N, C-alpha and C. Protein backbone atom coordinates (compact mmCIF):
# COMPACT_ATOMS: atom_id res chain seq x y z
N UNK A 1 -38.56 1.12 17.37
CA UNK A 1 -37.14 1.14 17.10
C UNK A 1 -36.60 2.55 17.27
N UNK A 2 -35.41 2.65 17.85
CA UNK A 2 -34.85 3.97 18.09
C UNK A 2 -34.36 4.61 16.81
N UNK A 3 -34.21 5.93 16.87
CA UNK A 3 -33.69 6.70 15.74
C UNK A 3 -32.29 6.19 15.39
N UNK A 4 -32.07 5.75 14.14
CA UNK A 4 -30.75 5.23 13.79
C UNK A 4 -29.68 6.30 13.66
N UNK A 5 -30.06 7.57 13.57
CA UNK A 5 -29.08 8.64 13.43
C UNK A 5 -28.64 9.08 14.82
N UNK A 6 -27.68 8.32 15.34
CA UNK A 6 -27.27 8.45 16.73
C UNK A 6 -25.77 8.70 16.80
N UNK A 7 -25.32 9.07 17.98
CA UNK A 7 -23.89 9.20 18.20
C UNK A 7 -23.30 7.80 18.36
N UNK A 8 -21.98 7.65 18.24
CA UNK A 8 -21.39 6.31 18.24
C UNK A 8 -21.46 5.54 19.54
N UNK A 9 -22.13 6.00 20.59
CA UNK A 9 -22.23 5.22 21.82
C UNK A 9 -22.99 3.93 21.54
N UNK A 10 -22.56 2.84 22.17
CA UNK A 10 -23.23 1.57 21.98
C UNK A 10 -22.91 0.90 20.66
N UNK A 11 -21.79 1.29 20.03
CA UNK A 11 -21.43 0.70 18.76
C UNK A 11 -20.11 -0.07 18.84
N UNK A 12 -19.91 -0.75 19.95
CA UNK A 12 -18.70 -1.54 20.10
C UNK A 12 -18.82 -2.93 19.50
N UNK A 13 -20.03 -3.51 19.55
CA UNK A 13 -20.23 -4.87 19.03
C UNK A 13 -21.47 -4.86 18.13
N UNK A 14 -21.24 -4.95 16.84
CA UNK A 14 -22.29 -4.79 15.84
C UNK A 14 -22.33 -5.99 14.91
N UNK A 15 -23.52 -6.45 14.59
CA UNK A 15 -23.71 -7.49 13.58
C UNK A 15 -24.46 -6.88 12.39
N UNK A 16 -23.85 -6.95 11.20
CA UNK A 16 -24.50 -6.49 9.98
C UNK A 16 -25.11 -7.70 9.28
N UNK A 17 -26.43 -7.64 9.04
CA UNK A 17 -27.14 -8.77 8.46
C UNK A 17 -27.87 -8.34 7.19
N UNK A 18 -28.31 -9.31 6.41
CA UNK A 18 -29.05 -9.03 5.19
C UNK A 18 -28.89 -10.18 4.21
N UNK A 19 -29.82 -10.29 3.29
CA UNK A 19 -29.77 -11.33 2.28
C UNK A 19 -28.52 -11.18 1.42
N UNK A 20 -27.96 -12.30 0.97
CA UNK A 20 -26.79 -12.26 0.09
C UNK A 20 -27.09 -11.38 -1.12
N UNK A 21 -26.22 -10.41 -1.36
CA UNK A 21 -26.43 -9.45 -2.43
C UNK A 21 -26.88 -8.10 -1.93
N UNK A 22 -27.17 -7.99 -0.64
CA UNK A 22 -27.64 -6.71 -0.10
C UNK A 22 -26.51 -5.70 0.08
N UNK A 23 -25.28 -6.19 0.05
CA UNK A 23 -24.13 -5.29 0.23
C UNK A 23 -23.63 -5.22 1.66
N UNK A 24 -23.99 -6.23 2.46
CA UNK A 24 -23.61 -6.16 3.87
C UNK A 24 -22.10 -6.23 4.10
N UNK A 25 -21.38 -6.98 3.25
CA UNK A 25 -19.93 -7.08 3.44
C UNK A 25 -19.24 -5.74 3.18
N UNK A 26 -19.66 -5.05 2.13
CA UNK A 26 -19.08 -3.73 1.83
C UNK A 26 -19.45 -2.75 2.94
N UNK A 27 -20.71 -2.78 3.37
CA UNK A 27 -21.15 -1.89 4.44
C UNK A 27 -20.37 -2.17 5.72
N UNK A 28 -20.24 -3.45 6.08
CA UNK A 28 -19.53 -3.82 7.31
C UNK A 28 -18.08 -3.38 7.26
N UNK A 29 -17.45 -3.53 6.10
CA UNK A 29 -16.06 -3.10 5.95
C UNK A 29 -15.92 -1.60 6.14
N UNK A 30 -16.81 -0.85 5.53
CA UNK A 30 -16.75 0.61 5.66
C UNK A 30 -17.03 1.04 7.10
N UNK A 31 -17.97 0.36 7.75
CA UNK A 31 -18.29 0.67 9.14
C UNK A 31 -17.10 0.37 10.05
N UNK A 32 -16.44 -0.76 9.83
CA UNK A 32 -15.27 -1.11 10.64
C UNK A 32 -14.17 -0.07 10.48
N UNK A 33 -13.99 0.42 9.26
CA UNK A 33 -12.98 1.46 9.02
C UNK A 33 -13.33 2.74 9.76
N UNK A 34 -14.59 3.12 9.72
CA UNK A 34 -15.00 4.36 10.37
C UNK A 34 -14.89 4.29 11.89
N UNK A 35 -15.18 3.12 12.43
CA UNK A 35 -15.14 2.97 13.89
C UNK A 35 -13.81 2.42 14.39
N UNK A 36 -12.88 2.17 13.47
CA UNK A 36 -11.58 1.59 13.80
C UNK A 36 -11.76 0.34 14.66
N UNK A 37 -12.66 -0.53 14.21
CA UNK A 37 -12.97 -1.76 14.94
C UNK A 37 -12.61 -2.97 14.09
N UNK A 38 -12.25 -4.10 14.71
CA UNK A 38 -11.94 -5.31 13.94
C UNK A 38 -13.16 -5.80 13.16
N UNK A 39 -12.92 -6.25 11.93
CA UNK A 39 -13.98 -6.81 11.10
C UNK A 39 -13.89 -8.32 11.13
N UNK A 40 -15.02 -8.97 11.43
CA UNK A 40 -15.10 -10.43 11.43
C UNK A 40 -16.04 -10.83 10.30
N UNK A 41 -15.53 -11.57 9.33
CA UNK A 41 -16.34 -12.04 8.21
C UNK A 41 -16.72 -13.50 8.46
N UNK A 42 -18.00 -13.74 8.66
CA UNK A 42 -18.44 -15.09 9.00
C UNK A 42 -18.20 -16.07 7.86
N UNK A 43 -18.38 -15.64 6.62
CA UNK A 43 -18.11 -16.52 5.48
C UNK A 43 -16.64 -16.95 5.46
N UNK A 44 -15.78 -16.03 5.80
CA UNK A 44 -14.34 -16.35 5.81
C UNK A 44 -14.02 -17.37 6.89
N UNK A 45 -14.72 -17.30 8.02
CA UNK A 45 -14.52 -18.28 9.08
C UNK A 45 -15.07 -19.65 8.68
N UNK A 46 -16.16 -19.65 7.95
CA UNK A 46 -16.86 -20.90 7.62
C UNK A 46 -16.18 -21.70 6.51
N UNK A 47 -15.73 -21.01 5.46
CA UNK A 47 -15.21 -21.71 4.29
C UNK A 47 -13.71 -21.93 4.38
N UNK A 48 -13.30 -23.19 4.19
CA UNK A 48 -11.89 -23.52 4.01
C UNK A 48 -11.54 -23.28 2.53
N UNK A 49 -10.31 -23.60 2.17
CA UNK A 49 -9.91 -23.44 0.78
C UNK A 49 -10.73 -24.33 -0.14
N UNK A 50 -10.88 -23.85 -1.36
CA UNK A 50 -11.63 -24.58 -2.40
C UNK A 50 -13.06 -24.91 -1.97
N UNK A 51 -13.67 -23.98 -1.25
CA UNK A 51 -15.08 -24.06 -0.85
C UNK A 51 -15.40 -25.30 -0.01
N UNK A 52 -14.47 -25.71 0.80
CA UNK A 52 -14.73 -26.81 1.73
C UNK A 52 -15.29 -26.23 3.02
N UNK A 53 -16.50 -26.64 3.44
CA UNK A 53 -17.12 -26.02 4.62
C UNK A 53 -16.55 -26.53 5.94
N UNK A 54 -16.62 -25.69 6.95
CA UNK A 54 -16.27 -26.11 8.31
C UNK A 54 -17.40 -26.95 8.89
N UNK A 55 -17.05 -27.82 9.82
CA UNK A 55 -18.10 -28.47 10.60
C UNK A 55 -18.68 -27.42 11.55
N UNK A 56 -19.88 -27.67 12.07
CA UNK A 56 -20.47 -26.70 12.99
C UNK A 56 -19.59 -26.48 14.20
N UNK A 57 -19.05 -27.55 14.78
CA UNK A 57 -18.20 -27.39 15.97
C UNK A 57 -16.98 -26.54 15.67
N UNK A 58 -16.38 -26.80 14.52
CA UNK A 58 -15.21 -26.02 14.13
C UNK A 58 -15.57 -24.56 13.90
N UNK A 59 -16.68 -24.35 13.21
CA UNK A 59 -17.15 -22.99 12.93
C UNK A 59 -17.49 -22.25 14.21
N UNK A 60 -18.20 -22.89 15.12
CA UNK A 60 -18.59 -22.26 16.38
C UNK A 60 -17.36 -21.89 17.21
N UNK A 61 -16.37 -22.78 17.23
CA UNK A 61 -15.15 -22.49 17.99
C UNK A 61 -14.42 -21.27 17.43
N UNK A 62 -14.33 -21.21 16.11
CA UNK A 62 -13.65 -20.06 15.48
C UNK A 62 -14.42 -18.77 15.74
N UNK A 63 -15.74 -18.85 15.64
CA UNK A 63 -16.55 -17.66 15.87
C UNK A 63 -16.47 -17.21 17.32
N UNK A 64 -16.55 -18.15 18.25
CA UNK A 64 -16.46 -17.81 19.68
C UNK A 64 -15.14 -17.13 19.99
N UNK A 65 -14.07 -17.61 19.41
CA UNK A 65 -12.76 -17.01 19.62
C UNK A 65 -12.72 -15.57 19.10
N UNK A 66 -13.29 -15.34 17.92
CA UNK A 66 -13.31 -14.01 17.32
C UNK A 66 -14.17 -13.03 18.13
N UNK A 67 -15.24 -13.55 18.72
CA UNK A 67 -16.15 -12.69 19.48
C UNK A 67 -15.67 -12.39 20.90
N UNK A 68 -14.51 -12.92 21.27
CA UNK A 68 -14.01 -12.72 22.63
C UNK A 68 -13.48 -11.30 22.85
N UNK A 69 -13.25 -10.57 21.77
CA UNK A 69 -12.77 -9.20 21.91
C UNK A 69 -13.88 -8.27 22.37
N UNK A 70 -13.49 -7.10 22.83
CA UNK A 70 -14.47 -6.14 23.37
C UNK A 70 -15.13 -5.31 22.27
N UNK A 71 -14.50 -5.25 21.10
CA UNK A 71 -15.06 -4.47 19.99
C UNK A 71 -14.94 -5.27 18.70
N UNK A 72 -15.99 -5.26 17.91
CA UNK A 72 -15.96 -5.92 16.61
C UNK A 72 -17.17 -5.53 15.77
N UNK A 73 -16.97 -5.66 14.45
CA UNK A 73 -18.07 -5.56 13.49
C UNK A 73 -18.18 -6.94 12.86
N UNK A 74 -19.32 -7.58 13.02
CA UNK A 74 -19.54 -8.94 12.54
C UNK A 74 -20.38 -8.89 11.27
N UNK A 75 -19.84 -9.45 10.20
CA UNK A 75 -20.51 -9.46 8.90
C UNK A 75 -21.07 -10.86 8.64
N UNK A 76 -22.40 -11.00 8.69
CA UNK A 76 -22.97 -12.28 8.31
C UNK A 76 -24.21 -12.68 9.08
N UNK A 77 -24.94 -13.65 8.50
CA UNK A 77 -26.19 -14.14 9.06
C UNK A 77 -25.97 -15.42 9.87
N UNK A 78 -25.99 -16.57 9.22
CA UNK A 78 -25.81 -17.87 9.86
C UNK A 78 -26.72 -18.02 11.09
N UNK A 79 -27.98 -18.32 10.80
CA UNK A 79 -29.00 -18.38 11.84
C UNK A 79 -28.61 -19.26 13.01
N UNK A 80 -27.94 -20.36 12.74
CA UNK A 80 -27.59 -21.30 13.82
C UNK A 80 -26.60 -20.72 14.82
N UNK A 81 -26.03 -19.55 14.53
CA UNK A 81 -25.08 -18.93 15.46
C UNK A 81 -25.71 -17.80 16.27
N UNK A 82 -27.00 -17.55 16.09
CA UNK A 82 -27.64 -16.39 16.72
C UNK A 82 -27.46 -16.39 18.24
N UNK A 83 -27.67 -17.52 18.88
CA UNK A 83 -27.58 -17.55 20.35
C UNK A 83 -26.18 -17.16 20.82
N UNK A 84 -25.18 -17.47 20.03
CA UNK A 84 -23.80 -17.13 20.39
C UNK A 84 -23.48 -15.68 20.07
N UNK A 85 -23.77 -15.26 18.85
CA UNK A 85 -23.32 -13.93 18.43
C UNK A 85 -24.18 -12.81 19.01
N UNK A 86 -25.46 -13.07 19.24
CA UNK A 86 -26.33 -12.02 19.76
C UNK A 86 -26.35 -11.95 21.28
N UNK A 87 -25.61 -12.83 21.93
CA UNK A 87 -25.51 -12.76 23.39
C UNK A 87 -24.79 -11.49 23.82
N UNK A 88 -23.77 -11.12 23.03
CA UNK A 88 -22.96 -9.96 23.39
C UNK A 88 -23.23 -8.72 22.52
N UNK A 89 -23.91 -8.92 21.40
CA UNK A 89 -24.06 -7.83 20.45
C UNK A 89 -24.85 -6.66 21.04
N UNK A 90 -24.48 -5.46 20.67
CA UNK A 90 -25.21 -4.27 21.12
C UNK A 90 -26.19 -3.78 20.06
N UNK A 91 -25.73 -3.85 18.80
CA UNK A 91 -26.53 -3.31 17.70
C UNK A 91 -26.53 -4.29 16.54
N UNK A 92 -27.69 -4.50 15.94
CA UNK A 92 -27.82 -5.29 14.72
C UNK A 92 -28.29 -4.35 13.62
N UNK A 93 -27.53 -4.27 12.55
CA UNK A 93 -27.90 -3.43 11.41
C UNK A 93 -28.38 -4.34 10.29
N UNK A 94 -29.63 -4.15 9.90
CA UNK A 94 -30.27 -5.00 8.90
C UNK A 94 -30.43 -4.22 7.60
N UNK A 95 -29.74 -4.67 6.54
CA UNK A 95 -29.90 -4.09 5.22
C UNK A 95 -31.06 -4.83 4.54
N UNK A 96 -32.24 -4.25 4.65
CA UNK A 96 -33.47 -4.89 4.17
C UNK A 96 -33.93 -4.23 2.88
N UNK A 97 -33.17 -4.46 1.82
CA UNK A 97 -33.49 -3.84 0.55
C UNK A 97 -34.50 -4.69 -0.24
N UNK A 98 -35.10 -4.10 -1.26
CA UNK A 98 -36.12 -4.79 -2.03
C UNK A 98 -35.55 -6.03 -2.71
N UNK A 99 -36.44 -6.94 -3.05
CA UNK A 99 -36.05 -8.17 -3.75
C UNK A 99 -35.30 -7.84 -5.04
N UNK A 100 -35.87 -6.94 -5.85
CA UNK A 100 -35.25 -6.61 -7.13
C UNK A 100 -33.86 -6.03 -6.96
N UNK A 101 -33.72 -5.10 -6.01
CA UNK A 101 -32.41 -4.47 -5.79
C UNK A 101 -31.39 -5.51 -5.32
N UNK A 102 -31.80 -6.37 -4.41
CA UNK A 102 -30.89 -7.36 -3.85
C UNK A 102 -30.44 -8.37 -4.90
N UNK A 103 -31.39 -8.88 -5.67
CA UNK A 103 -31.05 -9.88 -6.68
C UNK A 103 -30.21 -9.26 -7.80
N UNK A 104 -30.54 -8.04 -8.19
CA UNK A 104 -29.75 -7.36 -9.21
C UNK A 104 -28.30 -7.21 -8.76
N UNK A 105 -28.11 -6.84 -7.49
CA UNK A 105 -26.75 -6.69 -6.97
C UNK A 105 -26.04 -8.04 -6.91
N UNK A 106 -26.77 -9.08 -6.52
CA UNK A 106 -26.18 -10.42 -6.44
C UNK A 106 -25.71 -10.88 -7.82
N UNK A 107 -26.51 -10.62 -8.85
CA UNK A 107 -26.15 -11.02 -10.21
C UNK A 107 -24.93 -10.23 -10.68
N UNK A 108 -24.93 -8.93 -10.48
CA UNK A 108 -23.80 -8.09 -10.90
C UNK A 108 -22.51 -8.53 -10.19
N UNK A 109 -22.61 -8.79 -8.90
CA UNK A 109 -21.43 -9.21 -8.15
C UNK A 109 -20.91 -10.55 -8.66
N UNK A 110 -21.82 -11.50 -8.91
CA UNK A 110 -21.42 -12.82 -9.41
C UNK A 110 -20.75 -12.71 -10.77
N UNK A 111 -21.29 -11.86 -11.63
CA UNK A 111 -20.69 -11.68 -12.96
C UNK A 111 -19.29 -11.08 -12.85
N UNK A 112 -19.14 -10.08 -12.00
CA UNK A 112 -17.84 -9.43 -11.83
C UNK A 112 -16.81 -10.41 -11.26
N UNK A 113 -17.21 -11.17 -10.24
CA UNK A 113 -16.27 -12.11 -9.63
C UNK A 113 -15.94 -13.25 -10.58
N UNK A 114 -16.92 -13.71 -11.34
CA UNK A 114 -16.66 -14.78 -12.31
C UNK A 114 -15.70 -14.32 -13.39
N UNK A 115 -15.84 -13.08 -13.81
CA UNK A 115 -14.98 -12.54 -14.85
C UNK A 115 -13.57 -12.27 -14.34
N UNK A 116 -13.46 -11.70 -13.13
CA UNK A 116 -12.15 -11.31 -12.61
C UNK A 116 -11.34 -12.49 -12.07
N UNK A 117 -12.03 -13.57 -11.67
CA UNK A 117 -11.37 -14.75 -11.10
C UNK A 117 -10.56 -14.42 -9.83
N UNK A 118 -10.89 -13.30 -9.21
CA UNK A 118 -10.17 -12.88 -8.01
C UNK A 118 -10.60 -13.72 -6.82
N UNK A 119 -9.64 -14.08 -5.97
CA UNK A 119 -9.97 -14.82 -4.75
C UNK A 119 -10.90 -13.98 -3.87
N UNK A 120 -11.89 -14.61 -3.31
CA UNK A 120 -12.79 -13.90 -2.40
C UNK A 120 -12.03 -13.46 -1.16
N UNK A 121 -11.24 -14.38 -0.60
CA UNK A 121 -10.38 -14.08 0.54
C UNK A 121 -8.98 -14.52 0.17
N UNK A 122 -8.01 -13.59 0.14
CA UNK A 122 -6.65 -13.91 -0.30
C UNK A 122 -6.08 -15.13 0.42
N UNK A 123 -5.51 -16.03 -0.38
CA UNK A 123 -4.89 -17.23 0.18
C UNK A 123 -5.85 -18.40 0.35
N UNK A 124 -7.13 -18.19 0.10
CA UNK A 124 -8.12 -19.26 0.32
C UNK A 124 -8.30 -20.15 -0.90
N UNK A 125 -7.98 -19.62 -2.08
CA UNK A 125 -8.25 -20.36 -3.30
C UNK A 125 -9.71 -20.34 -3.70
N UNK A 126 -10.54 -19.65 -2.93
CA UNK A 126 -11.98 -19.61 -3.21
C UNK A 126 -12.30 -18.50 -4.22
N UNK A 127 -12.78 -18.94 -5.37
CA UNK A 127 -13.17 -18.02 -6.43
C UNK A 127 -14.57 -18.38 -6.91
N UNK A 128 -15.29 -17.39 -7.37
CA UNK A 128 -16.59 -17.67 -7.96
C UNK A 128 -16.40 -17.88 -9.45
N UNK A 129 -17.10 -18.87 -9.99
CA UNK A 129 -17.05 -19.14 -11.41
C UNK A 129 -18.44 -18.94 -12.00
N UNK A 130 -18.50 -18.78 -13.32
CA UNK A 130 -19.80 -18.63 -13.96
C UNK A 130 -20.66 -19.86 -13.69
N UNK A 131 -20.06 -21.03 -13.79
CA UNK A 131 -20.80 -22.27 -13.56
C UNK A 131 -21.36 -22.33 -12.14
N UNK A 132 -20.52 -22.01 -11.15
CA UNK A 132 -20.94 -22.06 -9.76
C UNK A 132 -22.02 -21.02 -9.46
N UNK A 133 -21.90 -19.85 -10.06
CA UNK A 133 -22.82 -18.76 -9.77
C UNK A 133 -24.14 -18.87 -10.50
N UNK A 134 -24.11 -19.42 -11.72
CA UNK A 134 -25.32 -19.38 -12.56
C UNK A 134 -25.88 -20.75 -12.94
N UNK A 135 -25.09 -21.80 -12.84
CA UNK A 135 -25.53 -23.11 -13.33
C UNK A 135 -25.49 -24.20 -12.27
N UNK A 136 -25.38 -23.81 -11.02
CA UNK A 136 -25.25 -24.80 -9.95
C UNK A 136 -26.40 -24.69 -8.96
N UNK A 137 -26.71 -25.80 -8.32
CA UNK A 137 -27.70 -25.78 -7.24
C UNK A 137 -27.17 -25.02 -6.03
N UNK A 138 -25.85 -24.83 -5.99
CA UNK A 138 -25.22 -24.07 -4.91
C UNK A 138 -25.06 -22.60 -5.27
N UNK A 139 -25.72 -22.15 -6.31
CA UNK A 139 -25.62 -20.78 -6.78
C UNK A 139 -25.99 -19.78 -5.69
N UNK A 140 -25.14 -18.78 -5.52
CA UNK A 140 -25.42 -17.73 -4.54
C UNK A 140 -26.62 -16.90 -4.97
N UNK A 141 -26.85 -16.81 -6.27
CA UNK A 141 -28.01 -16.07 -6.78
C UNK A 141 -29.29 -16.82 -6.42
N UNK A 142 -29.28 -18.12 -6.63
CA UNK A 142 -30.44 -18.94 -6.25
C UNK A 142 -30.68 -18.85 -4.75
N UNK A 143 -29.59 -18.86 -3.99
CA UNK A 143 -29.70 -18.73 -2.53
C UNK A 143 -30.35 -17.40 -2.15
N UNK A 144 -29.97 -16.33 -2.81
CA UNK A 144 -30.57 -15.02 -2.54
C UNK A 144 -32.06 -15.02 -2.85
N UNK A 145 -32.42 -15.62 -3.98
CA UNK A 145 -33.83 -15.68 -4.37
C UNK A 145 -34.64 -16.46 -3.33
N UNK A 146 -34.10 -17.58 -2.88
CA UNK A 146 -34.83 -18.46 -1.96
C UNK A 146 -34.94 -17.89 -0.55
N UNK A 147 -33.98 -17.06 -0.15
CA UNK A 147 -33.94 -16.63 1.25
C UNK A 147 -34.43 -15.20 1.49
N UNK A 148 -34.66 -14.42 0.45
CA UNK A 148 -35.01 -13.01 0.66
C UNK A 148 -36.24 -12.85 1.53
N UNK A 149 -37.36 -13.47 1.16
CA UNK A 149 -38.59 -13.30 1.94
C UNK A 149 -38.49 -14.00 3.29
N UNK A 150 -37.78 -15.12 3.34
CA UNK A 150 -37.59 -15.83 4.62
C UNK A 150 -36.82 -14.95 5.61
N UNK A 151 -35.80 -14.28 5.10
CA UNK A 151 -35.01 -13.40 5.97
C UNK A 151 -35.86 -12.24 6.49
N UNK A 152 -36.71 -11.70 5.64
CA UNK A 152 -37.56 -10.60 6.09
C UNK A 152 -38.46 -11.04 7.25
N UNK A 153 -39.08 -12.19 7.11
CA UNK A 153 -39.95 -12.70 8.18
C UNK A 153 -39.15 -13.00 9.44
N UNK A 154 -37.99 -13.61 9.26
CA UNK A 154 -37.15 -14.00 10.39
C UNK A 154 -36.69 -12.78 11.19
N UNK A 155 -36.22 -11.74 10.50
CA UNK A 155 -35.69 -10.59 11.21
C UNK A 155 -36.78 -9.66 11.73
N UNK A 156 -37.92 -9.63 11.05
CA UNK A 156 -39.06 -8.88 11.60
C UNK A 156 -39.50 -9.49 12.93
N UNK A 157 -39.46 -10.80 13.02
CA UNK A 157 -39.82 -11.48 14.26
C UNK A 157 -38.78 -11.23 15.35
N UNK A 158 -37.51 -11.24 14.94
CA UNK A 158 -36.43 -11.04 15.91
C UNK A 158 -36.50 -9.67 16.57
N UNK A 159 -36.89 -8.66 15.80
CA UNK A 159 -36.95 -7.29 16.32
C UNK A 159 -37.90 -7.18 17.51
N UNK A 160 -38.98 -7.95 17.51
CA UNK A 160 -39.96 -7.86 18.60
C UNK A 160 -39.84 -9.02 19.59
N UNK A 161 -38.83 -9.85 19.41
CA UNK A 161 -38.63 -11.00 20.30
C UNK A 161 -38.00 -10.54 21.62
N UNK A 162 -38.63 -10.91 22.73
CA UNK A 162 -38.14 -10.49 24.05
C UNK A 162 -36.73 -10.99 24.33
N UNK A 163 -36.34 -12.11 23.73
CA UNK A 163 -34.99 -12.63 23.96
C UNK A 163 -33.92 -11.66 23.48
N UNK A 164 -34.29 -10.78 22.56
CA UNK A 164 -33.33 -9.84 21.99
C UNK A 164 -33.64 -8.40 22.37
N UNK A 165 -34.29 -8.22 23.49
CA UNK A 165 -34.67 -6.87 23.93
C UNK A 165 -33.46 -6.01 24.28
N UNK A 166 -32.32 -6.65 24.51
CA UNK A 166 -31.09 -5.91 24.85
C UNK A 166 -30.40 -5.34 23.61
N UNK A 167 -30.90 -5.69 22.44
CA UNK A 167 -30.26 -5.30 21.18
C UNK A 167 -30.98 -4.11 20.55
N UNK A 168 -30.21 -3.17 20.04
CA UNK A 168 -30.79 -2.09 19.24
C UNK A 168 -30.75 -2.54 17.78
N UNK A 169 -31.90 -2.62 17.15
CA UNK A 169 -32.00 -2.99 15.74
C UNK A 169 -32.13 -1.71 14.90
N UNK A 170 -31.31 -1.64 13.88
CA UNK A 170 -31.38 -0.54 12.92
C UNK A 170 -31.65 -1.16 11.56
N UNK A 171 -32.75 -0.76 10.94
CA UNK A 171 -33.16 -1.34 9.66
C UNK A 171 -33.11 -0.28 8.57
N UNK A 172 -32.36 -0.56 7.54
CA UNK A 172 -32.29 0.33 6.38
C UNK A 172 -32.99 -0.35 5.21
N UNK A 173 -33.91 0.38 4.57
CA UNK A 173 -34.64 -0.20 3.44
C UNK A 173 -34.17 0.37 2.10
N UNK A 174 -33.19 1.25 2.16
CA UNK A 174 -32.62 1.81 0.92
C UNK A 174 -31.15 2.14 1.16
N UNK A 175 -30.29 1.93 0.17
CA UNK A 175 -28.86 2.24 0.35
C UNK A 175 -28.59 3.69 0.74
N UNK A 176 -29.44 4.62 0.33
CA UNK A 176 -29.24 6.02 0.70
C UNK A 176 -29.33 6.22 2.21
N UNK A 177 -30.21 5.46 2.86
CA UNK A 177 -30.32 5.54 4.32
C UNK A 177 -29.04 5.04 4.98
N UNK A 178 -28.53 3.91 4.48
CA UNK A 178 -27.30 3.35 5.04
C UNK A 178 -26.13 4.31 4.85
N UNK A 179 -26.06 4.92 3.68
CA UNK A 179 -24.97 5.86 3.40
C UNK A 179 -25.07 7.09 4.29
N UNK A 180 -26.27 7.61 4.47
CA UNK A 180 -26.46 8.78 5.33
C UNK A 180 -26.06 8.47 6.76
N UNK A 181 -26.37 7.26 7.20
CA UNK A 181 -26.01 6.87 8.57
C UNK A 181 -24.50 6.77 8.74
N UNK A 182 -23.82 6.19 7.75
CA UNK A 182 -22.37 6.14 7.80
C UNK A 182 -21.77 7.54 7.85
N UNK A 183 -22.33 8.44 7.04
CA UNK A 183 -21.84 9.82 7.04
C UNK A 183 -22.10 10.49 8.38
N UNK A 184 -23.22 10.15 9.04
CA UNK A 184 -23.53 10.74 10.34
C UNK A 184 -22.50 10.33 11.39
N UNK A 185 -21.92 9.14 11.23
CA UNK A 185 -20.86 8.71 12.16
C UNK A 185 -19.63 9.58 11.99
N UNK A 186 -19.27 9.87 10.75
CA UNK A 186 -18.13 10.74 10.49
C UNK A 186 -18.36 12.13 11.08
N UNK A 187 -19.57 12.65 10.90
CA UNK A 187 -19.90 13.98 11.41
C UNK A 187 -19.87 14.00 12.93
N UNK A 188 -20.33 12.90 13.55
CA UNK A 188 -20.33 12.82 15.00
C UNK A 188 -18.90 12.83 15.54
N UNK A 189 -18.01 12.08 14.87
CA UNK A 189 -16.61 12.05 15.31
C UNK A 189 -15.97 13.42 15.14
N UNK A 190 -16.30 14.09 14.03
CA UNK A 190 -15.75 15.42 13.78
C UNK A 190 -16.23 16.39 14.83
N UNK A 191 -17.51 16.32 15.19
CA UNK A 191 -18.08 17.21 16.21
C UNK A 191 -17.38 17.00 17.54
N UNK A 192 -17.13 15.72 17.91
CA UNK A 192 -16.46 15.43 19.18
C UNK A 192 -15.02 15.96 19.18
N UNK A 193 -14.34 15.83 18.03
CA UNK A 193 -12.95 16.26 17.99
C UNK A 193 -12.83 17.78 18.07
N UNK A 194 -13.89 18.49 17.66
CA UNK A 194 -13.87 19.95 17.69
C UNK A 194 -14.43 20.53 18.99
N UNK A 195 -14.97 19.64 19.83
CA UNK A 195 -15.57 20.12 21.08
C UNK A 195 -14.47 20.64 22.00
N UNK A 196 -14.78 21.72 22.78
CA UNK A 196 -13.75 22.30 23.68
C UNK A 196 -13.45 21.37 24.83
């Protein structure tokens, strides 16, 4: 894998991946702001109001439309969309944090959202509740627990898969690495702006 501390070349189409609770949405948002690129949230495309899911055809059509632009930051996994989203992607950033760190973050986020009752996406009516987060078979915390090790195996395989040889994979195993990389982008832009 190449050195992740690079200049912004090749960062027009990026997919940020990681187990739920890894912080990929926050990271993707910050990255989009730094690169002044459109942010595409896959969960937002998938879920209708009141947590009603899209059909696959509907979801694929919405995603294909969003990916038609020349620059974007894509936030999300959704394995069944890999052939579509990774056809054009240049860089995949994998937030591969430890099980304990990921689950702890997932629990804290669920508690905060359940307490605040804030809509996940404005106008959607989608809110997390204590019951949904902690007492349901659809719990995002349970989902994080069940998928953490599966995601590690899946993405480790993808990195060496010849089908994805056109993609640069960047793997961060600690939030400090991700933060340093984001800061390196700012420094790179500053260096370019000061160049004669």
